[in-house]
Amino acid sequence: MTPMLNLHPFHALRPQPQHFKKWIHRNIKNEFNRDENPFNFYNLINPSDKKHQQIRERISSYVKQKMLVNDLTPSLYCYRSKHNNDVFEGVIGLLDTKLITNGLIVPHEGVVNTRVSMFKNYLKEVLINTEPILLSHENNDGINELKNRLFRSEPFAEFEMNDTIHSIWRIEHPTLINQFSRAFNNIKSLLLIDGHHRCYSSLKLSSKIPKYSKMLVCLVSEDQLKIDSFCRLFTDLNKHRPDHFLAQLSSSFNVTRLTTYQKPHNLKSFSMYLENSWYKLYYKSSADDSKKTLERLPTQMIYKHLAKPLLGIHDLQKDARISYQYHKDNKKGIEQAVDSKKFKFGIEHFPISLDLVKRCLSEGALLPPKSTYVFPKLLNGLLIYDFKNE
């Protein structure tokens, strides 16, 4: 029997609509001052002595003071963020963790088991999901029509932060919940976009404690996604002299020193910053490259022809000599990271399309870690799933 996607409503733990911005906002650059604003999501999840049981105590305190409330009616939620011309829309609810094991939820990269166990233990202590796992589905007219009908009404909550307007619609009427549920029943598979470790930690917890079998998710149509790339930064040249390193690179890449920075223009081109200079790398094709989609991915080219043979990096998840960073301005970000002497060199690659991701998965291969940086980035703490409420 083909597994079916059932999106479940839940009693969201949340601030009052007029307090969403105050709850979410924090200045990341400065150390948080609890006395200035004790009612703050960051204050909830970062107890002063790092004891996770304090999170449950704070939740009880916030609810008692009515700083946070539980929706009395189980609901689904439509979320929309708008920044200039970029609009992202999704539906937030709960899914069964068993959808991971029966194949309806498809991951696109691997996980580190120790991190999964760490997150599982954290979940067991705090019993809350604060950030939805982002899953994408093929475009669906029925779901689009339901969302558009909802968006013609006033949002339940709306606020602006960092030039982005965030809007939430609550779906609490049973008829409308059933309409959304039936529309999602037609979805045959979901691609796990963001939150791999959170997803698998929920699965691991449910295998130990079956009553905790749900996880907080946001379902977004594929055409809503915008894919960018992480930069790869390396701490050393594995004892190679810079000129020798460049010479060895030339066996797999055409290496050209640039007078000014240039963005990669296709999957085979890379921009590398080393010794205060920018270089253009262009991968030399081989006969085997056309056989497997994985070999056509720039992140695999970096691993197979640079990180592994020249730097001796075999584990892209655990090796501390490689770091993954996202920058709005890659030139500035890489230059600052390398010029700080924390890293020896950095590489930028061309973004990988969702179509290539899906082709790779259809051939049974997972992508190298941090192959994609996908928007939207969901706000953490916007709607909280409290296991004890369900």
Protein backbone atom coordinates (compact mmCIF):
# COMPACT_ATOMS: atom_id res chain seq x y z
CA MET A 1 0.00 0.00 0.00
CA THR A 2 1.37 3.40 -0.97
CA PRO A 3 2.03 5.56 2.13
CA MET A 4 -0.12 8.69 2.39
CA LEU A 5 0.90 12.13 3.54
CA ASN A 6 -1.30 13.26 6.43
CA LEU A 7 -0.56 16.80 7.60
CA HIS A 8 -1.80 17.12 11.18
CA PRO A 9 -2.97 20.30 12.93
CA PHE A 10 -1.53 21.13 16.35
CA HIS A 11 -1.98 23.45 19.33
CA ALA A 12 0.79 25.97 18.61
CA LEU A 13 2.61 27.56 21.51
CA ARG A 14 3.14 31.19 20.49
CA PRO A 15 3.11 34.82 21.59
CA GLN A 16 0.06 37.03 21.17
CA PRO A 17 -0.15 38.35 17.56
CA GLN A 18 0.97 41.86 18.55
CA HIS A 19 4.08 40.49 20.28
CA PHE A 20 5.55 38.30 17.52
CA LYS A 21 8.26 40.79 16.53
CA LYS A 22 9.31 41.37 20.13
CA TRP A 23 9.45 37.61 20.68
CA ILE A 24 11.49 36.79 17.57
CA HIS A 25 13.81 39.79 17.35
CA ARG A 26 17.27 39.76 18.86
CA ASN A 27 20.56 41.45 18.07
CA ILE A 28 22.86 38.57 17.18
CA LYS A 29 25.99 40.74 17.18
CA ASN A 30 25.63 41.74 20.84
CA GLU A 31 25.42 39.47 23.85
CA PHE A 32 21.82 39.13 24.96
CA ASN A 33 20.83 41.16 28.02
CA ARG A 34 18.07 39.32 29.85
CA ASP A 35 17.09 42.36 31.92
CA GLU A 36 16.28 44.42 28.81
CA ASN A 37 13.71 41.99 27.41
CA PRO A 38 13.10 38.78 29.34
CA PHE A 39 10.26 37.89 26.94
CA ASN A 40 12.36 36.74 24.02
CA PHE A 41 12.72 33.43 22.19
CA TYR A 42 16.50 33.53 22.56
CA ASN A 43 16.07 33.87 26.30
CA LEU A 44 13.81 30.80 26.31
CA ILE A 45 16.20 28.41 24.58
CA ASN A 46 19.47 29.65 26.13
CA PRO A 47 19.21 29.23 29.91
CA SER A 48 22.01 30.96 31.79
CA ASP A 49 23.56 27.74 33.09
CA LYS A 50 22.81 25.73 29.89
CA LYS A 51 20.53 23.27 31.72
CA HIS A 52 17.87 22.21 29.25
CA GLN A 53 15.29 21.47 31.92
CA GLN A 54 15.17 25.22 32.53
CA ILE A 55 13.54 25.56 29.11
CA ARG A 56 10.50 23.64 30.35
CA GLU A 57 10.43 25.78 33.48
CA ARG A 58 10.53 28.96 31.41
CA ILE A 59 7.71 27.72 29.16
CA SER A 60 5.53 27.10 32.21
CA SER A 61 6.37 30.56 33.54
CA TYR A 62 5.66 32.28 30.22
CA VAL A 63 2.32 30.48 29.85
CA LYS A 64 1.35 31.26 33.45
CA GLN A 65 2.08 34.95 32.84
CA LYS A 66 0.22 34.73 29.50
CA MET A 67 3.34 35.88 27.67
CA LEU A 68 2.91 32.72 25.60
CA VAL A 69 -0.41 31.05 24.80
CA ASN A 70 -1.48 27.70 23.44
CA ASP A 71 -4.01 27.74 20.62
CA LEU A 72 -7.10 26.06 22.04
CA THR A 73 -8.11 24.64 18.66
CA PRO A 74 -5.64 22.40 16.77
CA SER A 75 -4.70 24.31 13.66
CA LEU A 76 -2.59 24.37 10.52
CA TYR A 77 -0.80 27.60 9.67
CA CYS A 78 0.01 29.33 6.40
CA TYR A 79 3.20 31.34 6.48
CA ARG A 80 4.39 33.93 3.98
CA SER A 81 7.55 36.04 3.89
CA LYS A 82 8.01 38.87 1.42
CA HIS A 83 11.30 40.63 0.74
CA ASN A 84 11.24 42.95 -2.27
CA ASN A 85 10.12 40.66 -5.13
CA ASP A 86 10.93 37.42 -3.31
CA VAL A 87 7.81 35.80 -1.87
CA PHE A 88 7.85 32.44 -0.08
CA GLU A 89 4.73 30.63 1.10
CA GLY A 90 4.32 27.42 3.04
CA VAL A 91 1.95 25.41 5.22
CA ILE A 92 3.05 24.53 8.77
CA GLY A 93 1.79 21.45 10.60
CA LEU A 94 2.89 18.07 11.92
CA LEU A 95 3.98 14.94 10.07
CA ASP A 96 4.60 11.42 11.31
CA THR A 97 8.27 10.51 11.60
CA LYS A 98 7.49 7.15 9.96
CA LEU A 99 7.28 8.98 6.62
CA ILE A 100 11.09 9.06 6.69
CA THR A 101 11.43 5.29 6.92
CA ASN A 102 8.69 4.51 4.39
CA GLY A 103 10.30 6.71 1.75
CA LEU A 104 7.79 9.52 1.42
CA ILE A 105 10.32 12.01 2.85
CA VAL A 106 13.51 11.92 0.77
CA PRO A 107 16.77 13.37 2.19
CA HIS A 108 19.33 14.88 -0.19
CA GLU A 109 22.42 14.61 2.00
CA GLY A 110 23.72 12.42 4.81
CA VAL A 111 23.79 13.07 8.54
CA VAL A 112 26.35 12.68 11.32
CA ASN A 113 25.07 10.04 13.76
CA THR A 114 26.63 11.72 16.79
CA ARG A 115 24.78 14.97 15.98
CA VAL A 116 21.52 13.06 15.51
CA SER A 117 21.96 11.46 18.93
CA MET A 118 22.82 14.83 20.50
CA PHE A 119 19.68 16.44 19.06
CA LYS A 120 17.60 13.43 20.10
CA ASN A 121 18.76 13.78 23.70
CA TYR A 122 18.01 17.51 23.58
CA LEU A 123 14.50 16.81 22.25
CA LYS A 124 13.90 14.24 24.99
CA GLU A 125 14.68 16.87 27.62
CA VAL A 126 12.89 19.92 26.21
CA LEU A 127 9.99 18.20 24.36
CA ILE A 128 9.52 21.05 21.88
CA ASN A 129 10.13 21.67 18.18
CA THR A 130 10.85 25.36 17.65
CA GLU A 131 11.89 25.39 13.99
CA PRO A 132 9.95 23.59 11.23
CA ILE A 133 11.79 21.12 9.03
CA LEU A 134 11.58 22.48 5.48
CA LEU A 135 10.13 20.03 2.94
CA SER A 136 9.31 20.72 -0.70
CA HIS A 137 6.66 19.18 -2.96
CA GLU A 138 5.77 19.42 -6.62
CA ASN A 139 3.51 22.30 -7.60
CA ASN A 140 -0.13 21.44 -6.82
CA ASP A 141 -3.08 23.48 -8.13
CA GLY A 142 -5.37 22.39 -5.33
CA ILE A 143 -2.96 23.52 -2.62
CA ASN A 144 -2.30 26.79 -4.48
CA GLU A 145 -6.01 27.56 -4.69
CA LEU A 146 -6.51 26.93 -0.97
CA LYS A 147 -3.55 29.13 -0.05
CA ASN A 148 -4.63 31.94 -2.38
CA ARG A 149 -8.14 31.86 -0.95
CA LEU A 150 -6.67 32.19 2.52
CA PHE A 151 -4.29 34.99 1.50
CA ARG A 152 -7.23 37.13 0.42
CA SER A 153 -8.20 37.39 4.10
CA GLU A 154 -6.43 39.32 6.85
CA PRO A 155 -3.49 37.48 8.40
CA PHE A 156 -3.68 36.29 11.98
CA ALA A 157 -0.34 37.99 12.69
CA GLU A 158 1.99 40.18 10.64
CA PHE A 159 5.22 42.03 11.35
CA GLU A 160 8.20 43.48 9.51
CA MET A 161 11.79 42.69 10.38
CA ASN A 162 14.99 43.29 8.40
CA ASP A 163 13.02 44.60 5.40
CA THR A 164 11.00 41.36 5.28
CA ILE A 165 7.28 41.16 5.96
CA HIS A 166 6.25 37.99 7.79
CA SER A 167 2.59 36.98 7.76
CA ILE A 168 0.74 34.08 9.41
CA TRP A 169 -2.76 32.77 8.75
CA ARG A 170 -4.31 30.29 11.18
CA ILE A 171 -6.42 27.46 9.76
CA GLU A 172 -8.59 26.28 12.64
CA HIS A 173 -11.94 25.45 10.98
CA PRO A 174 -12.31 21.65 10.59
CA THR A 175 -13.68 21.95 7.04
CA LEU A 176 -10.72 24.01 5.85
CA ILE A 177 -8.26 21.72 7.66
CA ASN A 178 -9.83 18.74 5.87
CA GLN A 179 -9.57 20.53 2.51
CA PHE A 180 -5.84 21.13 3.03
CA SER A 181 -5.36 17.57 4.28
CA ARG A 182 -7.06 16.08 1.21
CA ALA A 183 -4.97 18.28 -1.10
CA PHE A 184 -1.75 17.11 0.55
CA ASN A 185 -2.89 13.48 0.33
CA ASN A 186 -2.20 13.76 -3.40
CA ILE A 187 1.48 14.51 -2.83
CA LYS A 188 3.55 11.40 -3.54
CA SER A 189 6.90 12.47 -2.07
CA LEU A 190 8.57 15.29 -0.16
CA LEU A 191 12.17 16.43 -0.60
CA LEU A 192 13.95 17.20 2.66
CA ILE A 193 15.41 20.64 2.03
CA ASP A 194 16.59 21.93 5.39
CA GLY A 195 16.79 20.30 8.81
CA HIS A 196 18.25 16.85 8.12
CA HIS A 197 19.64 16.37 11.64
CA ARG A 198 16.46 17.67 13.30
CA CYS A 199 14.42 15.33 11.13
CA TYR A 200 16.43 12.22 11.97
CA SER A 201 16.66 13.13 15.65
CA SER A 202 12.83 13.21 15.74
CA LEU A 203 12.78 9.79 14.10
CA LYS A 204 15.26 8.43 16.62
CA LEU A 205 13.27 9.81 19.55
CA SER A 206 10.02 8.29 18.23
CA SER A 207 11.72 4.90 17.93
CA LYS A 208 12.50 5.08 21.66
CA ILE A 209 9.30 6.81 22.79
CA PRO A 210 6.51 6.00 20.28
CA LYS A 211 4.07 8.62 21.63
CA TYR A 212 6.44 11.34 20.38
CA SER A 213 5.90 10.35 16.76
CA LYS A 214 5.27 13.79 15.22
CA MET A 215 7.60 16.55 14.03
CA LEU A 216 7.05 20.18 13.09
CA VAL A 217 7.32 20.82 9.32
CA CYS A 218 6.77 23.50 6.72
CA LEU A 219 5.67 22.30 3.28
CA VAL A 220 6.70 24.55 0.39
CA SER A 221 6.10 24.14 -3.33
CA GLU A 222 9.27 23.57 -5.35
CA ASP A 223 8.69 26.69 -7.40
CA GLN A 224 8.92 28.73 -4.18
CA LEU A 225 12.51 27.67 -3.51
CA LYS A 226 15.53 29.76 -4.36
CA ILE A 227 18.86 27.94 -4.36
CA ASP A 228 22.23 29.53 -3.69
CA SER A 229 25.54 27.99 -2.64
CA PHE A 230 27.83 27.71 0.35
CA CYS A 231 31.46 28.80 0.07
CA ARG A 232 34.07 26.23 1.03
CA LEU A 233 36.95 27.47 3.17
CA PHE A 234 40.08 25.45 3.97
CA THR A 235 42.50 25.99 6.84
CA ASP A 236 45.69 24.78 5.12
CA LEU A 237 47.28 23.45 1.93
CA ASN A 238 48.25 20.11 3.51
CA LYS A 239 51.95 21.15 3.59
CA HIS A 240 51.96 22.09 -0.11
CA ARG A 241 53.64 25.30 -1.22
CA PRO A 242 51.11 27.59 -2.90
CA ASP A 243 52.81 27.33 -6.30
CA HIS A 244 53.00 23.53 -6.04
CA PHE A 245 49.35 23.40 -4.99
CA LEU A 246 48.33 25.42 -8.05
CA ALA A 247 50.46 23.19 -10.26
CA GLN A 248 48.76 20.07 -8.92
CA LEU A 249 45.34 21.64 -9.40
CA SER A 250 46.12 22.06 -13.08
CA SER A 251 45.88 18.30 -13.61
CA SER A 252 42.09 18.52 -13.12
CA PHE A 253 41.37 22.21 -13.71
CA ASN A 254 42.44 24.95 -16.05
CA VAL A 255 43.86 27.49 -13.60
CA THR A 256 43.91 31.19 -14.49
CA ARG A 257 45.02 34.01 -12.22
CA LEU A 258 42.57 36.92 -12.35
CA THR A 259 43.20 40.63 -12.07
CA THR A 260 39.74 41.06 -10.52
CA TYR A 261 37.19 38.71 -8.96
CA GLN A 262 34.79 36.88 -11.29
CA LYS A 263 31.73 34.88 -10.30
CA PRO A 264 31.51 31.24 -11.47
CA HIS A 265 29.38 31.17 -14.63
CA ASN A 266 28.50 27.47 -14.86
CA LEU A 267 28.82 24.15 -13.02
CA LYS A 268 32.42 23.62 -14.13
CA SER A 269 33.75 27.02 -13.15
CA PHE A 270 35.00 28.03 -9.70
CA SER A 271 36.40 31.17 -8.09
CA MET A 272 39.30 30.59 -5.66
CA TYR A 273 40.99 33.10 -3.36
CA LEU A 274 44.55 32.24 -2.31
CA GLU A 275 47.49 34.39 -1.21
CA ASN A 276 45.64 37.67 -1.83
CA SER A 277 44.80 36.67 -5.42
CA TRP A 278 41.69 35.39 -7.18
CA TYR A 279 41.90 32.43 -9.56
CA LYS A 280 39.45 30.98 -12.01
CA LEU A 281 39.30 27.18 -12.02
CA TYR A 282 37.60 25.40 -14.88
CA TYR A 283 37.12 21.67 -14.56
CA LYS A 284 38.55 19.51 -17.34
CA SER A 285 35.85 17.06 -18.37
CA SER A 286 36.44 13.34 -18.54
CA ALA A 287 34.54 10.56 -20.29
CA ASP A 288 33.07 9.30 -17.00
CA ASP A 289 31.48 12.61 -16.06
CA SER A 290 28.41 12.19 -18.25
CA LYS A 291 27.44 8.85 -16.73
CA LYS A 292 26.40 9.95 -13.25
CA THR A 293 24.76 13.20 -12.19
CA LEU A 294 26.78 13.21 -8.96
CA GLU A 295 30.00 13.64 -10.97
CA ARG A 296 28.55 16.75 -12.61
CA LEU A 297 28.00 18.52 -9.32
CA PRO A 298 30.58 21.20 -8.49
CA THR A 299 30.65 20.16 -4.82
CA GLN A 300 31.61 16.62 -5.87
CA MET A 301 34.31 18.01 -8.19
CA ILE A 302 35.81 19.97 -5.28
CA TYR A 303 35.80 16.86 -3.11
CA LYS A 304 37.01 14.36 -5.69
CA HIS A 305 39.67 16.47 -7.40
CA LEU A 306 40.83 18.87 -4.67
CA ALA A 307 39.83 18.16 -1.07
CA LYS A 308 40.48 14.42 -1.09
CA PRO A 309 43.59 13.98 -3.30
CA LEU A 310 45.42 17.23 -2.51
CA LEU A 311 44.35 18.03 1.06
CA GLY A 312 43.71 14.53 2.37
CA ILE A 313 40.17 15.39 3.45
CA HIS A 314 38.06 12.22 3.36
CA ASP A 315 35.17 13.09 5.65
CA LEU A 316 33.44 16.28 4.54
CA GLN A 317 31.13 16.23 7.57
CA LYS A 318 33.69 15.86 10.34
CA ASP A 319 37.07 17.16 9.11
CA ALA A 320 37.76 20.46 10.87
CA ARG A 321 39.96 21.71 8.01
CA ILE A 322 36.95 22.48 5.82
CA SER A 323 34.25 24.98 6.73
CA TYR A 324 31.02 25.94 4.97
CA GLN A 325 29.83 29.55 4.96
CA TYR A 326 27.07 31.44 3.24
CA HIS A 327 27.69 35.05 2.22
CA LYS A 328 25.43 37.50 0.44
CA ASP A 329 28.64 38.91 -1.04
CA ASN A 330 30.94 35.95 -1.71
CA LYS A 331 33.90 38.08 -2.76
CA LYS A 332 33.85 40.08 0.45
CA GLY A 333 33.03 37.09 2.65
CA ILE A 334 35.81 34.86 1.33
CA GLU A 335 38.39 37.64 1.33
CA GLN A 336 37.63 38.55 4.94
CA ALA A 337 37.75 34.89 6.06
CA VAL A 338 41.10 34.22 4.34
CA ASP A 339 42.71 37.58 5.11
CA SER A 340 41.93 36.99 8.80
CA LYS A 341 44.42 34.06 8.60
CA LYS A 342 41.84 31.66 10.00
CA PHE A 343 41.66 30.04 6.55
CA LYS A 344 44.29 29.54 3.88
CA PHE A 345 41.98 29.71 0.85
CA GLY A 346 38.36 29.71 -0.17
CA ILE A 347 36.31 28.50 -3.14
CA GLU A 348 32.98 29.60 -4.57
CA HIS A 349 30.97 27.34 -6.88
CA PHE A 350 27.97 27.79 -9.15
CA PRO A 351 24.57 27.05 -7.50
CA ILE A 352 23.16 23.55 -8.07
CA SER A 353 19.64 23.47 -9.48
CA LEU A 354 16.81 21.55 -7.83
CA ASP A 355 16.48 19.50 -11.02
CA LEU A 356 20.07 18.26 -10.63
CA VAL A 357 19.44 17.47 -6.97
CA LYS A 358 16.44 15.33 -7.91
CA ARG A 359 18.30 13.60 -10.74
CA CYS A 360 21.11 12.72 -8.37
CA LEU A 361 18.67 11.25 -5.86
CA SER A 362 16.86 9.29 -8.58
CA GLU A 363 20.20 7.60 -9.32
CA GLY A 364 20.55 6.57 -5.69
CA ALA A 365 23.25 9.05 -4.68
CA LEU A 366 23.25 11.61 -1.86
CA LEU A 367 24.89 14.98 -2.41
CA PRO A 368 28.07 16.07 -0.61
CA PRO A 369 27.26 18.02 2.57
CA LYS A 370 26.28 21.67 2.21
CA SER A 371 25.79 21.42 -1.54
CA THR A 372 22.85 23.83 -1.48
CA TYR A 373 21.86 26.91 0.48
CA VAL A 374 18.10 27.14 0.08
CA PHE A 375 15.65 29.96 0.73
CA PRO A 376 13.28 30.48 2.46
CA LYS A 377 15.04 30.43 5.83
CA LEU A 378 12.29 29.97 8.37
CA LEU A 379 12.20 31.97 11.59
CA ASN A 380 13.04 29.89 14.64
CA GLY A 381 10.49 30.11 17.45
CA LEU A 382 7.66 31.54 15.38
CA LEU A 383 5.28 28.66 16.16
CA ILE A 384 6.36 26.08 18.73
CA TYR A 385 5.22 22.48 18.80
CA ASP A 386 5.02 21.40 22.45
CA PHE A 387 4.90 17.61 22.63
CA LYS A 388 3.02 17.80 25.94
CA ASN A 389 0.09 19.63 24.33
CA GLU A 390 -0.83 16.91 21.85
